[in-house]
Protein backbone atom coordinates (compact mmCIF):
# COMPACT_ATOMS: atom_id res chain seq x y z
CA UNK A 1 -0.18 0.05 0.12
CA UNK A 2 1.15 3.55 -0.96
CA UNK A 3 0.25 6.46 1.24
CA UNK A 4 0.82 10.39 0.69
CA UNK A 5 1.17 12.42 3.84
CA UNK A 6 0.65 16.47 3.26
CA UNK A 7 1.90 18.45 6.14
CA UNK A 8 0.51 21.84 5.39
CA UNK A 9 2.63 24.18 7.46
CA UNK A 10 2.95 27.81 8.23
CA UNK A 11 5.90 28.06 5.79
CA UNK A 12 5.81 25.09 3.75
CA UNK A 13 3.52 22.52 2.16
CA UNK A 14 5.36 19.14 2.85
CA UNK A 15 4.88 15.77 1.00
CA UNK A 16 5.98 12.38 2.16
CA UNK A 17 5.10 9.20 0.39
CA UNK A 18 5.70 5.89 1.67
CA UNK A 19 5.13 1.98 0.70
CA UNK A 20 3.76 0.18 3.74
CA UNK A 21 3.87 -3.69 3.86
CA UNK A 22 2.65 -4.88 7.33
CA UNK A 23 4.80 -3.30 10.04
CA UNK A 24 7.45 -2.56 7.69
CA UNK A 25 7.91 0.64 5.46
CA UNK A 26 10.22 2.42 2.85
CA UNK A 27 10.09 6.27 2.20
CA UNK A 28 9.90 6.64 -1.47
CA UNK A 29 9.67 10.51 -1.80
CA UNK A 30 9.72 13.67 0.09
CA UNK A 31 9.58 17.16 -1.13
CA UNK A 32 8.07 20.50 -0.09
CA UNK A 33 6.62 23.94 -1.45
CA UNK A 34 6.80 27.16 -0.13
CA UNK A 35 3.31 28.56 0.66
CA UNK A 36 4.26 31.28 3.18
CA UNK A 37 0.92 31.32 5.00
CA UNK A 38 2.68 33.43 7.47
CA UNK A 39 2.91 36.03 5.47
CA UNK A 40 1.88 39.90 6.94
CA UNK A 41 -1.77 38.57 7.22
CA UNK A 42 -0.93 36.18 9.68
CA UNK A 43 -1.06 38.92 12.43
CA UNK A 44 -5.00 39.59 11.45
CA UNK A 45 -5.44 35.74 11.75
CA UNK A 46 -6.22 35.70 7.78
CA UNK A 47 -4.81 33.65 4.88
CA UNK A 48 -3.85 36.24 2.30
CA UNK A 49 -5.07 36.03 -1.60
CA UNK A 50 -1.20 35.57 -2.38
CA UNK A 51 -0.72 32.68 0.30
CA UNK A 52 -4.12 31.12 -0.96
CA UNK A 53 -2.59 31.12 -4.60
CA UNK A 54 0.82 29.75 -3.22
CA UNK A 55 -1.04 27.10 -1.34
CA UNK A 56 -3.14 26.07 -4.51
CA UNK A 57 0.07 25.87 -6.85
CA UNK A 58 1.64 23.64 -3.74
CA UNK A 59 -0.96 21.15 -4.14
CA UNK A 60 -1.12 21.11 -8.09
CA UNK A 61 2.60 20.38 -7.85
CA UNK A 62 2.01 17.66 -5.02
CA UNK A 63 -0.84 16.17 -7.12
CA UNK A 64 1.27 15.61 -9.96
CA UNK A 65 4.15 13.77 -7.99
CA UNK A 66 1.27 11.51 -6.24
CA UNK A 67 -0.06 10.72 -9.20
CA UNK A 68 3.36 9.22 -10.76
CA UNK A 69 3.81 6.98 -7.57
CA UNK A 70 0.19 6.10 -7.81
CA UNK A 71 -0.73 6.27 -4.11
CA UNK A 72 -3.67 4.42 -2.57
CA UNK A 73 -4.57 6.86 0.00
CA UNK A 74 -4.12 10.49 0.86
CA UNK A 75 -3.92 12.22 4.49
CA UNK A 76 -3.67 15.92 4.74
CA UNK A 77 -2.78 17.81 7.85
CA UNK A 78 -3.07 21.52 8.73
CA UNK A 79 -1.46 23.10 11.20
CA UNK A 80 -1.19 26.76 13.20
CA UNK A 81 -1.62 29.35 10.46
CA UNK A 82 -4.97 27.65 9.25
CA UNK A 83 -6.22 26.74 12.54
CA UNK A 84 -6.13 30.52 13.87
CA UNK A 85 -7.14 31.83 10.30
CA UNK A 86 -10.86 33.49 10.35
CA UNK A 87 -11.18 32.52 6.63
CA UNK A 88 -10.08 29.15 6.79
CA UNK A 89 -13.35 27.26 5.72
CA UNK A 90 -13.12 28.78 2.23
CA UNK A 91 -9.54 27.96 1.92
CA UNK A 92 -9.79 24.70 2.97
CA UNK A 93 -12.63 23.82 0.38
CA UNK A 94 -10.72 25.20 -2.41
CA UNK A 95 -7.74 22.81 -1.45
CA UNK A 96 -10.07 20.02 -0.97
CA UNK A 97 -11.39 20.26 -4.51
CA UNK A 98 -7.80 20.16 -5.95
CA UNK A 99 -6.40 17.07 -4.23
CA UNK A 100 -10.12 15.32 -3.97
CA UNK A 101 -9.45 14.28 -0.19
CA UNK A 102 -10.21 15.92 3.15
CA UNK A 103 -7.88 18.41 5.15
CA UNK A 104 -7.60 17.99 8.67
CA UNK A 105 -7.31 20.90 10.87
CA UNK A 106 -5.31 19.69 13.98
CA UNK A 107 -5.21 21.28 17.36
CA UNK A 108 -1.72 22.36 18.77
CA UNK A 109 -1.95 19.00 21.09
CA UNK A 110 -2.87 16.66 18.25
CA UNK A 111 0.14 18.10 16.31
CA UNK A 112 2.42 17.76 19.39
CA UNK A 113 1.52 14.25 19.81
CA UNK A 114 2.07 13.29 15.97
CA UNK A 115 5.61 15.09 16.06
CA UNK A 116 6.21 12.55 19.21
CA UNK A 117 5.30 9.65 17.08
CA UNK A 118 7.20 10.79 14.18
CA UNK A 119 10.69 10.88 16.54
CA UNK A 120 9.75 7.33 18.12
CA UNK A 121 9.82 6.15 14.49
CA UNK A 122 13.27 7.59 14.05
CA UNK A 123 14.63 6.46 17.45
CA UNK A 124 12.49 3.60 18.30
CA UNK A 125 12.89 4.08 21.97
CA UNK A 126 14.21 7.24 23.45
CA UNK A 127 16.62 5.99 26.60
CA UNK A 128 16.89 8.89 28.38
CA UNK A 129 14.81 12.12 29.32
CA UNK A 130 14.75 14.62 26.55
CA UNK A 131 12.80 17.42 25.19
CA UNK A 132 11.63 17.24 21.63
CA UNK A 133 11.36 20.66 19.77
CA UNK A 134 9.72 21.29 16.54
CA UNK A 135 10.22 25.10 15.61
CA UNK A 136 7.23 26.05 13.36
CA UNK A 137 6.20 29.36 11.51
CA UNK A 138 3.01 29.34 13.69
CA UNK A 139 3.75 27.61 16.67
CA UNK A 140 6.28 25.94 18.60
CA UNK A 141 5.71 22.17 19.98
CA UNK A 142 7.79 21.07 23.00
CA UNK A 143 7.37 17.44 24.46
CA UNK A 144 9.03 15.93 27.28
CA UNK A 145 9.65 12.20 26.75
CA UNK A 146 11.15 9.37 28.22
CA UNK A 147 11.16 5.65 26.80
CA UNK A 148 8.01 5.61 24.75
CA UNK A 149 5.94 7.76 26.95
CA UNK A 150 4.99 11.72 26.60
CA UNK A 151 5.54 13.20 30.26
CA UNK A 152 4.49 16.66 29.15
CA UNK A 153 3.85 18.29 26.05
CA UNK A 154 2.88 21.97 24.80
CA UNK A 155 2.32 23.89 21.73
CA UNK A 156 2.68 27.63 21.77
CA UNK A 157 1.97 30.23 19.12
CA UNK A 158 5.33 31.48 19.19
CA UNK A 159 6.53 30.40 15.59
CA UNK A 160 9.04 32.09 13.82
CA UNK A 161 6.54 33.71 11.14
CA UNK A 162 4.63 35.26 13.88
CA UNK A 163 8.10 36.79 15.49
CA UNK A 164 9.44 38.35 12.30
CA UNK A 165 5.86 39.80 11.40
CA UNK A 166 5.52 41.36 15.14
CA UNK A 167 8.99 42.70 15.42
CA UNK A 168 11.02 44.45 12.99
CA UNK A 169 14.32 43.08 13.27
CA UNK A 170 17.62 44.63 12.22
CA UNK A 171 19.81 43.35 9.93
CA UNK A 172 21.95 41.91 11.29
CA UNK A 173 19.78 41.46 14.52
CA UNK A 174 21.30 43.78 17.35
CA UNK A 175 21.81 42.86 20.94
CA UNK A 176 19.19 44.51 22.24
CA UNK A 177 16.71 42.71 19.79
CA UNK A 178 18.25 39.35 21.04
CA UNK A 179 17.99 40.02 24.58
CA UNK A 180 14.52 41.00 24.02
CA UNK A 181 13.87 37.47 22.07
CA UNK A 182 15.71 35.52 24.73
CA UNK A 183 13.13 37.14 27.58
CA UNK A 184 10.19 36.60 25.15
CA UNK A 185 11.11 32.84 24.71
CA UNK A 186 12.06 32.16 28.23
CA UNK A 187 8.48 33.70 29.48
CA UNK A 188 6.39 32.05 26.77
CA UNK A 189 8.07 28.62 27.32
CA UNK A 190 8.58 28.72 31.09
CA UNK A 191 6.61 25.72 31.84
CA UNK A 192 8.48 23.67 29.26
CA UNK A 193 11.86 24.96 30.94
CA UNK A 194 10.88 24.43 34.56
CA UNK A 195 9.36 20.68 33.53
CA UNK A 196 12.56 19.96 31.95
CA UNK A 197 14.72 21.10 35.02
CA UNK A 198 12.65 19.08 37.19
CA UNK A 199 13.25 15.91 35.19
CA UNK A 200 17.00 16.63 34.71
CA UNK A 201 16.54 16.81 30.97
CA UNK A 202 20.06 17.08 29.55
CA UNK A 203 18.94 16.05 25.45
CA UNK A 204 17.27 18.25 22.95
CA UNK A 205 15.78 16.27 20.15
CA UNK A 206 15.28 18.79 17.35
CA UNK A 207 12.74 18.06 14.69
CA UNK A 208 13.19 19.21 10.81
CA UNK A 209 12.71 22.85 10.28
CA UNK A 210 15.62 25.06 11.61
CA UNK A 211 17.27 21.75 12.91
CA UNK A 212 17.89 20.48 9.17
CA UNK A 213 19.34 23.97 8.29
CA UNK A 214 21.78 23.82 11.15
CA UNK A 215 22.72 20.46 10.51
CA UNK A 216 23.12 21.16 6.52
CA UNK A 217 25.43 24.12 7.50
CA UNK A 218 27.56 22.22 9.69
CA UNK A 219 27.90 19.11 7.30
CA UNK A 220 28.26 21.99 4.41
CA UNK A 221 25.75 20.30 2.12
CA UNK A 222 22.83 21.91 0.14
CA UNK A 223 19.47 21.85 1.59
CA UNK A 224 17.85 18.65 1.15
CA UNK A 225 20.93 17.03 -0.11
CA UNK A 226 21.46 14.76 3.02
CA UNK A 227 18.78 12.78 4.72
CA UNK A 228 19.26 11.99 8.47
CA UNK A 229 17.30 9.64 10.58
CA UNK A 230 19.22 11.09 13.62
CA UNK A 231 22.53 13.08 13.71
CA UNK A 232 24.14 14.31 16.87
CA UNK A 233 25.00 18.06 16.86
CA UNK A 234 27.49 18.94 19.50
CA UNK A 235 27.15 22.12 21.49
CA UNK A 236 30.20 23.34 19.90
CA UNK A 237 28.80 22.77 16.71
CA UNK A 238 25.55 24.76 17.29
CA UNK A 239 27.54 27.75 18.92
CA UNK A 240 29.81 27.91 16.03
CA UNK A 241 26.53 28.32 13.78
CA UNK A 242 24.88 30.38 16.40
CA UNK A 243 27.36 33.17 16.49
CA UNK A 244 27.70 32.84 12.74
CA UNK A 245 24.07 33.48 12.12
CA UNK A 246 23.58 36.32 14.72
CA UNK A 247 26.50 38.35 13.19
CA UNK A 248 25.31 37.91 9.63
CA UNK A 249 23.19 39.88 7.14
CA UNK A 250 20.38 38.70 5.15
CA UNK A 251 22.49 38.72 1.93
CA UNK A 252 25.37 36.94 3.89
CA UNK A 253 23.04 34.34 4.93
CA UNK A 254 21.93 33.57 1.48
CA UNK A 255 25.11 32.93 0.43
CA UNK A 256 25.91 30.25 3.22
CA UNK A 257 26.29 26.67 2.45
CA UNK A 258 23.18 24.79 3.71
CA UNK A 259 21.17 28.07 4.19
CA UNK A 260 17.49 27.12 2.89
CA UNK A 261 16.15 30.17 1.28
CA UNK A 262 12.63 29.15 3.11
CA UNK A 263 14.55 29.88 6.21
CA UNK A 264 16.84 32.72 5.48
CA UNK A 265 14.70 35.11 7.87
CA UNK A 266 13.34 32.81 10.12
CA UNK A 267 16.79 31.18 11.06
CA UNK A 268 17.81 34.04 13.20
CA UNK A 269 15.03 34.04 15.74
CA UNK A 270 15.04 30.00 15.62
CA UNK A 271 18.51 29.74 16.86
CA UNK A 272 17.76 32.41 19.71
CA UNK A 273 15.07 30.10 20.75
CA UNK A 274 16.98 27.09 20.86
CA UNK A 275 20.00 28.58 22.59
CA UNK A 276 17.43 30.08 25.16
CA UNK A 277 16.42 26.49 25.98
CA UNK A 278 19.92 25.10 25.82
CA UNK A 279 21.12 27.65 28.67
CA UNK A 280 18.04 27.83 30.65
CA UNK A 281 17.34 23.92 30.83
CA UNK A 282 21.10 22.89 31.00
CA UNK A 283 21.01 20.79 27.66
CA UNK A 284 24.48 18.81 27.02
CA UNK A 285 23.32 17.18 23.79
CA UNK A 286 21.51 18.00 20.79
CA UNK A 287 20.12 15.38 18.33
CA UNK A 288 18.70 16.29 14.83
CA UNK A 289 16.33 14.29 13.18
CA UNK A 290 14.36 14.90 9.80
CA UNK A 291 11.31 12.76 11.05
CA UNK A 292 8.51 14.94 12.27
CA UNK A 293 4.65 15.17 11.80
CA UNK A 294 4.41 13.54 8.45
CA UNK A 295 6.48 10.45 10.01
CA UNK A 296 4.30 10.41 12.87
CA UNK A 297 1.29 9.68 10.76
CA UNK A 298 3.01 6.93 9.10
CA UNK A 299 3.86 5.44 12.52
CA UNK A 300 0.18 5.66 13.55
CA UNK A 301 -0.74 3.88 10.20
CA UNK A 302 1.88 0.94 10.64
CA UNK A 303 0.39 0.59 14.31
CA UNK A 304 -2.92 -0.33 13.07
């Protein structure tokens, strides 16, 4: 059986196609299209006309790929930008016509649960208390876990598209703005930080998105060139990238090896969030994984 999973996020529309055979699977295709649902209208809880057109084009492109692979089932999940949009009903109806499938708008809690299951598919078992972080355009999900259990989770509307649309960040970002963002993230994710400290969490598992870009920059590969189930990122490697990004202009980031154009603006507040969590919790190790929401859907289907 071949399935397609589409994760309609705030920045990108991500497609995964997999072959399932009992409890076994094989990833056949992964791709993404930029939709930028988190453009300036996200402040007004609206999906702009331009974002609507970009999303339609993305689904038309994904539909062609799915037809090439001959998928048997399509599952589509929409996250933060769609769930908070006042005009989501009309938007979703138009998308459903294109792909001839239903679009499920999921809650932040459900999003965190699927991300956790995607991480389980990558790791099998998480043998030490860890915090999973998925940095999105509309929301951030943090999941405290040990073994195969969620100990605590949260989804906060503090995604990077919302950040850059609410703050006029200088180029490069100023020391004052860095401190402002550190304070903001520490306050917004206070409960996560306290729970992690109580459980003596020392490992941060970073899912897709910004963590992919960080790993690509460390490995000096083009975006999407290297597929990773898991990869350890040392604190030294992270801080080298962190300092480089904070000192850079947008034009300089565009020239960096491994920089994804989708994240050229979003990556700066993203690494500030990561560093805030590292220093506040006392993280000693980072493990990056490509697996997240889409793979979590696959995990659930394999478990049926």
